[in-house]
Amino acid sequence: MKIAIASDHAGFALKQELYKHVSQIGHEVLDLGAHNAEPSDYPDFAELVGKALMNGAVERGILICGSGVGVCVAANKMPGIRAAICHDTYSAHQGVEHDEMNVLVVGSRIVGSELAREIAEHYLSAKFNAAEERFVRRLNKVKAIEHFYMRGAGSLAS
């Protein structure tokens, strides 16, 4: 699978470790920065990963910042991006299986490198459970909400 990975300065060291690990377990990894630990802005990297997913250059993304919150918020502003902070292995695979999560977000100040590697493995090995009608129905509702608000129409709830 082709994966985009990026981080801000706070996630740089962990990004380097995950890049190496994800490559070693057989994935093609596109490193979109940061390329050093100098101060940088997380929205820039969230946007790069989101664009790579949106244009089909990659199948999934991994984003890292200090807490995970900033890049998660920024990534989820982009159409078609379903990013989630996962600091445990269950959430990492369940997010893909139930919600078709396509961006894994990790906080480098929250989890250590060994756990981050395990989380990434669970995320990358998971597949959306399209055979389960309830997951497809819920995902379609999420997509409908996104589409509705992208048009700027107001509210779906009535």
N, C-alpha and C. Protein backbone atom coordinates (compact mmCIF):
# COMPACT_ATOMS: atom_id res chain seq x y z
N MET A 1 0.85 -1.17 0.00
CA MET A 1 0.00 0.00 0.00
C MET A 1 0.90 1.24 0.00
N LYS A 2 0.45 2.29 -0.67
CA LYS A 2 1.21 3.54 -0.70
C LYS A 2 0.65 4.47 0.38
N ILE A 3 1.55 4.93 1.25
CA ILE A 3 1.20 5.71 2.43
C ILE A 3 1.92 7.06 2.39
N ALA A 4 1.20 8.14 2.70
CA ALA A 4 1.83 9.44 2.91
C ALA A 4 2.03 9.62 4.41
N ILE A 5 3.17 10.13 4.79
CA ILE A 5 3.45 10.40 6.20
C ILE A 5 4.01 11.80 6.33
N ALA A 6 3.59 12.51 7.38
CA ALA A 6 4.09 13.86 7.60
C ALA A 6 3.92 14.21 9.07
N SER A 7 4.67 15.22 9.48
CA SER A 7 4.60 15.71 10.86
C SER A 7 5.07 17.16 10.89
N ASP A 8 4.77 17.81 12.00
CA ASP A 8 5.40 19.09 12.26
C ASP A 8 6.70 18.81 13.01
N HIS A 9 7.34 19.86 13.51
CA HIS A 9 8.61 19.70 14.22
C HIS A 9 8.47 18.81 15.45
N ALA A 10 7.34 18.89 16.16
CA ALA A 10 7.16 18.11 17.38
C ALA A 10 7.06 16.62 17.10
N GLY A 11 6.61 16.26 15.92
CA GLY A 11 6.48 14.86 15.57
C GLY A 11 7.60 14.33 14.70
N PHE A 12 8.59 15.17 14.41
CA PHE A 12 9.64 14.80 13.46
C PHE A 12 10.35 13.50 13.82
N ALA A 13 10.82 13.36 15.04
CA ALA A 13 11.58 12.16 15.43
C ALA A 13 10.72 10.90 15.30
N LEU A 14 9.49 10.96 15.75
CA LEU A 14 8.61 9.80 15.64
C LEU A 14 8.27 9.52 14.18
N LYS A 15 8.10 10.56 13.38
CA LYS A 15 7.84 10.36 11.95
C LYS A 15 8.99 9.59 11.30
N GLN A 16 10.20 9.95 11.65
CA GLN A 16 11.36 9.26 11.09
C GLN A 16 11.32 7.77 11.44
N GLU A 17 10.97 7.46 12.68
CA GLU A 17 10.88 6.06 13.11
C GLU A 17 9.76 5.33 12.39
N LEU A 18 8.60 5.97 12.29
CA LEU A 18 7.47 5.32 11.62
C LEU A 18 7.72 5.16 10.13
N TYR A 19 8.35 6.13 9.52
CA TYR A 19 8.69 6.02 8.10
C TYR A 19 9.52 4.75 7.86
N LYS A 20 10.53 4.57 8.68
CA LYS A 20 11.40 3.41 8.54
C LYS A 20 10.62 2.11 8.78
N HIS A 21 9.84 2.09 9.84
CA HIS A 21 9.11 0.87 10.20
C HIS A 21 8.07 0.50 9.14
N VAL A 22 7.29 1.47 8.71
CA VAL A 22 6.24 1.21 7.72
C VAL A 22 6.87 0.74 6.40
N SER A 23 8.01 1.29 6.05
CA SER A 23 8.73 0.84 4.85
C SER A 23 9.20 -0.60 5.03
N GLN A 24 9.72 -0.92 6.20
CA GLN A 24 10.24 -2.26 6.47
C GLN A 24 9.16 -3.33 6.45
N ILE A 25 7.92 -2.97 6.77
CA ILE A 25 6.85 -3.98 6.75
C ILE A 25 6.17 -4.06 5.39
N GLY A 26 6.76 -3.42 4.39
CA GLY A 26 6.35 -3.65 3.02
C GLY A 26 5.52 -2.59 2.34
N HIS A 27 5.39 -1.43 2.93
CA HIS A 27 4.60 -0.37 2.31
C HIS A 27 5.51 0.65 1.63
N GLU A 28 5.01 1.27 0.58
CA GLU A 28 5.71 2.36 -0.07
C GLU A 28 5.31 3.63 0.67
N VAL A 29 6.30 4.38 1.17
CA VAL A 29 6.00 5.53 2.02
C VAL A 29 6.50 6.80 1.36
N LEU A 30 5.60 7.77 1.26
CA LEU A 30 5.90 9.09 0.71
C LEU A 30 6.06 10.05 1.88
N ASP A 31 7.27 10.52 2.12
CA ASP A 31 7.56 11.44 3.23
C ASP A 31 7.31 12.86 2.77
N LEU A 32 6.29 13.50 3.35
CA LEU A 32 5.91 14.86 2.95
C LEU A 32 6.40 15.92 3.94
N GLY A 33 7.32 15.56 4.81
CA GLY A 33 7.90 16.52 5.75
C GLY A 33 7.28 16.36 7.13
N ALA A 34 7.71 17.14 8.04
CA ALA A 34 8.85 18.03 8.04
C ALA A 34 10.13 17.22 7.83
N HIS A 35 11.13 17.91 7.34
CA HIS A 35 12.38 17.22 7.05
C HIS A 35 13.46 17.55 8.07
N ASN A 36 13.07 18.24 9.14
CA ASN A 36 13.97 18.51 10.26
C ASN A 36 13.13 18.93 11.46
N ALA A 37 13.78 19.17 12.57
CA ALA A 37 13.08 19.50 13.82
C ALA A 37 12.95 21.01 14.04
N GLU A 38 13.22 21.81 13.01
CA GLU A 38 13.04 23.26 13.13
C GLU A 38 11.55 23.57 13.25
N PRO A 39 11.18 24.61 13.99
CA PRO A 39 9.75 24.93 14.15
C PRO A 39 9.02 25.01 12.81
N SER A 40 7.85 24.38 12.79
CA SER A 40 7.03 24.35 11.57
C SER A 40 5.56 24.32 11.99
N ASP A 41 4.69 24.48 11.03
CA ASP A 41 3.25 24.60 11.31
C ASP A 41 2.50 23.36 10.86
N TYR A 42 1.82 22.71 11.80
CA TYR A 42 1.12 21.46 11.52
C TYR A 42 0.07 21.55 10.40
N PRO A 43 -0.65 22.67 10.21
CA PRO A 43 -1.65 22.67 9.13
C PRO A 43 -1.04 22.43 7.74
N ASP A 44 0.20 22.89 7.56
CA ASP A 44 0.85 22.70 6.26
C ASP A 44 1.01 21.22 5.94
N PHE A 45 1.35 20.42 6.93
CA PHE A 45 1.60 19.00 6.71
C PHE A 45 0.29 18.21 6.62
N ALA A 46 -0.71 18.63 7.38
CA ALA A 46 -2.02 18.01 7.26
C ALA A 46 -2.56 18.22 5.85
N GLU A 47 -2.38 19.41 5.31
CA GLU A 47 -2.85 19.69 3.97
C GLU A 47 -2.11 18.86 2.92
N LEU A 48 -0.81 18.69 3.08
CA LEU A 48 -0.04 17.89 2.12
C LEU A 48 -0.53 16.44 2.09
N VAL A 49 -0.76 15.86 3.25
CA VAL A 49 -1.25 14.48 3.31
C VAL A 49 -2.67 14.41 2.73
N GLY A 50 -3.51 15.36 3.10
CA GLY A 50 -4.87 15.38 2.58
C GLY A 50 -4.90 15.48 1.06
N LYS A 51 -4.09 16.35 0.50
CA LYS A 51 -4.04 16.49 -0.96
C LYS A 51 -3.56 15.21 -1.62
N ALA A 52 -2.58 14.54 -1.03
CA ALA A 52 -2.08 13.28 -1.59
C ALA A 52 -3.19 12.22 -1.61
N LEU A 53 -4.01 12.20 -0.59
CA LEU A 53 -5.15 11.27 -0.56
C LEU A 53 -6.21 11.70 -1.57
N MET A 54 -6.52 12.96 -1.61
CA MET A 54 -7.58 13.46 -2.49
C MET A 54 -7.25 13.25 -3.97
N ASN A 55 -5.98 13.37 -4.32
CA ASN A 55 -5.62 13.20 -5.74
C ASN A 55 -5.24 11.76 -6.10
N GLY A 56 -5.36 10.85 -5.12
CA GLY A 56 -5.12 9.44 -5.39
C GLY A 56 -3.66 9.02 -5.43
N ALA A 57 -2.76 9.89 -5.01
CA ALA A 57 -1.34 9.54 -5.01
C ALA A 57 -1.02 8.48 -3.96
N VAL A 58 -1.82 8.44 -2.89
CA VAL A 58 -1.64 7.46 -1.82
C VAL A 58 -3.00 6.89 -1.43
N GLU A 59 -2.97 5.76 -0.73
CA GLU A 59 -4.20 5.12 -0.26
C GLU A 59 -4.56 5.52 1.17
N ARG A 60 -3.55 5.81 1.97
CA ARG A 60 -3.77 6.21 3.36
C ARG A 60 -2.68 7.17 3.80
N GLY A 61 -2.95 7.82 4.94
CA GLY A 61 -1.98 8.77 5.47
C GLY A 61 -1.72 8.55 6.94
N ILE A 62 -0.58 9.05 7.39
CA ILE A 62 -0.21 9.07 8.80
C ILE A 62 0.28 10.48 9.10
N LEU A 63 -0.28 11.09 10.14
CA LEU A 63 0.12 12.43 10.57
C LEU A 63 0.54 12.40 12.03
N ILE A 64 1.53 13.20 12.36
CA ILE A 64 2.05 13.24 13.72
C ILE A 64 2.33 14.69 14.11
N CYS A 65 1.87 15.06 15.29
CA CYS A 65 2.28 16.31 15.92
C CYS A 65 2.43 16.00 17.41
N GLY A 66 2.64 17.00 18.22
CA GLY A 66 2.88 16.75 19.64
C GLY A 66 1.76 16.00 20.32
N SER A 67 0.53 16.50 20.20
CA SER A 67 -0.62 15.85 20.83
C SER A 67 -1.43 15.03 19.85
N GLY A 68 -1.34 15.34 18.57
CA GLY A 68 -2.19 14.75 17.55
C GLY A 68 -3.41 15.60 17.24
N VAL A 69 -3.77 16.46 18.15
CA VAL A 69 -5.01 17.24 18.01
C VAL A 69 -4.93 18.20 16.82
N GLY A 70 -3.88 18.98 16.73
CA GLY A 70 -3.78 19.99 15.68
C GLY A 70 -3.87 19.42 14.29
N VAL A 71 -3.05 18.41 13.98
CA VAL A 71 -3.09 17.85 12.62
C VAL A 71 -4.41 17.14 12.35
N CYS A 72 -5.01 16.57 13.38
CA CYS A 72 -6.31 15.90 13.20
C CYS A 72 -7.39 16.92 12.83
N VAL A 73 -7.44 18.01 13.55
CA VAL A 73 -8.42 19.06 13.25
C VAL A 73 -8.21 19.58 11.84
N ALA A 74 -6.98 19.90 11.49
CA ALA A 74 -6.69 20.45 10.17
C ALA A 74 -7.02 19.47 9.05
N ALA A 75 -6.62 18.22 9.21
CA ALA A 75 -6.86 17.22 8.16
C ALA A 75 -8.35 17.02 7.91
N ASN A 76 -9.14 17.03 8.98
CA ASN A 76 -10.58 16.78 8.84
C ASN A 76 -11.33 17.93 8.20
N LYS A 77 -10.68 19.03 7.90
CA LYS A 77 -11.31 20.13 7.17
C LYS A 77 -11.37 19.84 5.67
N MET A 78 -10.65 18.84 5.23
CA MET A 78 -10.54 18.56 3.80
C MET A 78 -11.56 17.51 3.38
N PRO A 79 -12.19 17.69 2.22
CA PRO A 79 -13.19 16.73 1.74
C PRO A 79 -12.61 15.32 1.59
N GLY A 80 -13.35 14.36 2.08
CA GLY A 80 -12.95 12.96 1.92
C GLY A 80 -11.94 12.47 2.93
N ILE A 81 -11.46 13.34 3.79
CA ILE A 81 -10.47 12.94 4.79
C ILE A 81 -11.20 12.55 6.07
N ARG A 82 -10.88 11.36 6.54
CA ARG A 82 -11.42 10.86 7.80
C ARG A 82 -10.24 10.51 8.68
N ALA A 83 -9.77 11.52 9.42
CA ALA A 83 -8.60 11.38 10.28
C ALA A 83 -9.05 11.17 11.72
N ALA A 84 -8.30 10.35 12.44
CA ALA A 84 -8.61 10.12 13.85
C ALA A 84 -7.33 9.92 14.65
N ILE A 85 -7.33 10.49 15.84
CA ILE A 85 -6.23 10.27 16.77
C ILE A 85 -6.40 8.88 17.36
N CYS A 86 -5.37 8.09 17.25
CA CYS A 86 -5.39 6.74 17.82
C CYS A 86 -4.15 6.55 18.67
N HIS A 87 -4.37 6.38 19.95
CA HIS A 87 -3.27 6.14 20.86
C HIS A 87 -3.33 4.74 21.44
N ASP A 88 -4.09 3.87 20.75
CA ASP A 88 -4.18 2.46 21.12
C ASP A 88 -4.42 1.65 19.84
N THR A 89 -4.12 0.37 19.87
CA THR A 89 -4.23 -0.46 18.68
C THR A 89 -5.68 -0.73 18.29
N TYR A 90 -6.58 -0.85 19.27
CA TYR A 90 -7.98 -1.14 18.96
C TYR A 90 -8.59 -0.02 18.11
N SER A 91 -8.41 1.22 18.53
CA SER A 91 -8.96 2.34 17.77
C SER A 91 -8.37 2.40 16.37
N ALA A 92 -7.11 2.04 16.24
CA ALA A 92 -6.44 2.11 14.94
C ALA A 92 -7.06 1.17 13.92
N HIS A 93 -7.37 -0.05 14.33
CA HIS A 93 -7.98 -0.96 13.35
C HIS A 93 -9.49 -0.76 13.28
N GLN A 94 -10.13 -0.47 14.40
CA GLN A 94 -11.58 -0.28 14.40
C GLN A 94 -11.97 0.95 13.59
N GLY A 95 -11.16 1.99 13.61
CA GLY A 95 -11.45 3.19 12.83
C GLY A 95 -11.49 2.93 11.34
N VAL A 96 -10.67 2.02 10.89
CA VAL A 96 -10.69 1.63 9.47
C VAL A 96 -11.86 0.69 9.21
N GLU A 97 -12.01 -0.33 10.04
CA GLU A 97 -13.03 -1.36 9.82
C GLU A 97 -14.45 -0.81 9.86
N HIS A 98 -14.72 0.11 10.78
CA HIS A 98 -16.07 0.62 10.97
C HIS A 98 -16.32 1.95 10.26
N ASP A 99 -15.31 2.80 10.16
CA ASP A 99 -15.50 4.18 9.70
C ASP A 99 -14.70 4.54 8.46
N GLU A 100 -13.98 3.60 7.91
CA GLU A 100 -13.11 3.82 6.75
C GLU A 100 -12.16 5.01 6.97
N MET A 101 -11.62 5.09 8.18
CA MET A 101 -10.62 6.10 8.50
C MET A 101 -9.48 5.98 7.49
N ASN A 102 -9.04 7.12 6.95
CA ASN A 102 -7.96 7.05 5.97
C ASN A 102 -6.71 7.82 6.40
N VAL A 103 -6.76 8.45 7.57
CA VAL A 103 -5.57 9.10 8.12
C VAL A 103 -5.45 8.74 9.59
N LEU A 104 -4.36 8.11 9.93
CA LEU A 104 -4.01 7.82 11.31
C LEU A 104 -3.27 9.01 11.88
N VAL A 105 -3.69 9.47 13.05
CA VAL A 105 -3.01 10.59 13.71
C VAL A 105 -2.48 10.10 15.05
N VAL A 106 -1.22 10.44 15.31
CA VAL A 106 -0.56 10.03 16.55
C VAL A 106 0.09 11.24 17.20
N GLY A 107 -0.01 11.33 18.50
CA GLY A 107 0.65 12.38 19.26
C GLY A 107 2.00 11.90 19.75
N SER A 108 3.06 12.53 19.28
CA SER A 108 4.42 12.08 19.64
C SER A 108 4.75 12.31 21.11
N ARG A 109 4.04 13.22 21.76
CA ARG A 109 4.26 13.46 23.18
C ARG A 109 3.33 12.61 24.06
N ILE A 110 2.51 11.78 23.40
CA ILE A 110 1.55 10.95 24.10
C ILE A 110 1.96 9.48 24.10
N VAL A 111 2.43 8.99 22.96
CA VAL A 111 2.81 7.58 22.85
C VAL A 111 4.29 7.45 22.51
N GLY A 112 4.87 6.37 22.95
CA GLY A 112 6.25 6.07 22.63
C GLY A 112 6.38 5.41 21.27
N SER A 113 7.59 5.24 20.83
CA SER A 113 7.82 4.74 19.48
C SER A 113 7.38 3.29 19.30
N GLU A 114 7.54 2.45 20.30
CA GLU A 114 7.12 1.05 20.16
C GLU A 114 5.60 0.95 20.00
N LEU A 115 4.87 1.64 20.84
CA LEU A 115 3.41 1.64 20.72
C LEU A 115 2.98 2.26 19.39
N ALA A 116 3.64 3.33 18.98
CA ALA A 116 3.30 3.97 17.70
C ALA A 116 3.49 2.99 16.54
N ARG A 117 4.53 2.19 16.57
CA ARG A 117 4.74 1.18 15.51
C ARG A 117 3.60 0.16 15.51
N GLU A 118 3.19 -0.30 16.70
CA GLU A 118 2.09 -1.26 16.79
C GLU A 118 0.78 -0.65 16.29
N ILE A 119 0.54 0.59 16.67
CA ILE A 119 -0.67 1.29 16.21
C ILE A 119 -0.68 1.38 14.69
N ALA A 120 0.44 1.77 14.11
CA ALA A 120 0.54 1.88 12.65
C ALA A 120 0.30 0.54 11.97
N GLU A 121 0.82 -0.53 12.53
CA GLU A 121 0.62 -1.86 11.95
C GLU A 121 -0.86 -2.25 11.96
N HIS A 122 -1.54 -2.00 13.07
CA HIS A 122 -2.97 -2.32 13.16
C HIS A 122 -3.77 -1.49 12.15
N TYR A 123 -3.44 -0.23 12.04
CA TYR A 123 -4.11 0.66 11.09
C TYR A 123 -3.91 0.18 9.66
N LEU A 124 -2.68 -0.12 9.30
CA LEU A 124 -2.37 -0.47 7.92
C LEU A 124 -2.86 -1.86 7.53
N SER A 125 -3.04 -2.74 8.48
CA SER A 125 -3.52 -4.09 8.16
C SER A 125 -5.04 -4.17 8.13
N ALA A 126 -5.72 -3.16 8.62
CA ALA A 126 -7.18 -3.18 8.69
C ALA A 126 -7.81 -2.82 7.34
N LYS A 127 -9.01 -3.36 7.14
CA LYS A 127 -9.78 -3.06 5.93
C LYS A 127 -11.21 -2.69 6.33
N PHE A 128 -11.80 -1.77 5.58
CA PHE A 128 -13.18 -1.38 5.84
C PHE A 128 -14.09 -2.58 5.64
N ASN A 129 -15.01 -2.76 6.57
CA ASN A 129 -15.93 -3.89 6.54
C ASN A 129 -17.17 -3.53 5.72
N ALA A 130 -17.02 -3.52 4.39
CA ALA A 130 -18.10 -3.13 3.49
C ALA A 130 -19.22 -4.15 3.44
N ALA A 131 -18.97 -5.35 3.95
CA ALA A 131 -20.01 -6.37 3.97
C ALA A 131 -21.02 -6.13 5.09
N GLU A 132 -20.68 -5.29 6.03
CA GLU A 132 -21.55 -5.01 7.17
C GLU A 132 -22.40 -3.77 6.85
N GLU A 133 -23.68 -3.97 6.61
CA GLU A 133 -24.58 -2.90 6.15
C GLU A 133 -24.57 -1.69 7.08
N ARG A 134 -24.51 -1.90 8.38
CA ARG A 134 -24.56 -0.77 9.32
C ARG A 134 -23.35 0.15 9.16
N PHE A 135 -22.18 -0.39 8.85
CA PHE A 135 -20.99 0.44 8.67
C PHE A 135 -21.10 1.24 7.38
N VAL A 136 -21.60 0.62 6.33
CA VAL A 136 -21.78 1.31 5.05
C VAL A 136 -22.83 2.41 5.21
N ARG A 137 -23.93 2.11 5.87
CA ARG A 137 -24.99 3.10 6.09
C ARG A 137 -24.44 4.30 6.86
N ARG A 138 -23.70 4.05 7.91
CA ARG A 138 -23.15 5.14 8.72
C ARG A 138 -22.12 5.96 7.95
N LEU A 139 -21.27 5.28 7.20
CA LEU A 139 -20.28 5.99 6.40
C LEU A 139 -20.98 6.86 5.36
N ASN A 140 -22.02 6.36 4.74
CA ASN A 140 -22.75 7.16 3.77
C ASN A 140 -23.38 8.39 4.42
N LYS A 141 -23.83 8.27 5.66
CA LYS A 141 -24.36 9.43 6.37
C LYS A 141 -23.27 10.46 6.64
N VAL A 142 -22.10 10.00 7.01
CA VAL A 142 -20.96 10.92 7.22
C VAL A 142 -20.63 11.64 5.92
N LYS A 143 -20.59 10.90 4.83
CA LYS A 143 -20.30 11.50 3.53
C LYS A 143 -21.38 12.50 3.12
N ALA A 144 -22.63 12.20 3.45
CA ALA A 144 -23.73 13.12 3.13
C ALA A 144 -23.59 14.42 3.91
N ILE A 145 -23.22 14.32 5.17
CA ILE A 145 -22.99 15.53 5.97
C ILE A 145 -21.89 16.37 5.35
N GLU A 146 -20.79 15.74 5.01
CA GLU A 146 -19.66 16.44 4.40
C GLU A 146 -20.09 17.13 3.10
N HIS A 147 -20.78 16.40 2.25
CA HIS A 147 -21.21 16.96 0.96
C HIS A 147 -22.16 18.13 1.17
N PHE A 148 -23.09 17.99 2.08
CA PHE A 148 -24.07 19.03 2.35
C PHE A 148 -23.39 20.33 2.80
N TYR A 149 -22.47 20.22 3.74
CA TYR A 149 -21.83 21.43 4.26
C TYR A 149 -20.79 22.01 3.32
N MET A 150 -20.25 21.20 2.44
CA MET A 150 -19.34 21.74 1.42
C MET A 150 -20.09 22.66 0.48
N ARG A 151 -21.38 22.39 0.30
CA ARG A 151 -22.21 23.25 -0.55
C ARG A 151 -22.65 24.50 0.21
N GLY A 152 -22.45 24.52 1.52
CA GLY A 152 -22.84 25.68 2.32
C GLY A 152 -24.32 25.85 2.48
N ALA A 153 -25.06 24.75 2.53
CA ALA A 153 -26.52 24.83 2.52
C ALA A 153 -27.16 25.04 3.87
N GLY A 154 -26.48 24.86 4.95
CA GLY A 154 -27.11 25.07 6.27
C GLY A 154 -27.04 23.87 7.16
N SER A 155 -28.20 23.19 7.38
CA SER A 155 -28.23 22.09 8.33
C SER A 155 -28.99 20.90 7.77
N LEU A 156 -28.47 19.71 8.02
CA LEU A 156 -29.16 18.49 7.65
C LEU A 156 -30.24 18.14 8.65
N ALA A 157 -30.02 18.50 9.91
CA ALA A 157 -30.99 18.17 10.97
C ALA A 157 -32.23 19.03 10.78
N SER A 158 -33.38 18.39 10.77
CA SER A 158 -34.61 19.16 10.63
C SER A 158 -35.70 18.62 11.52
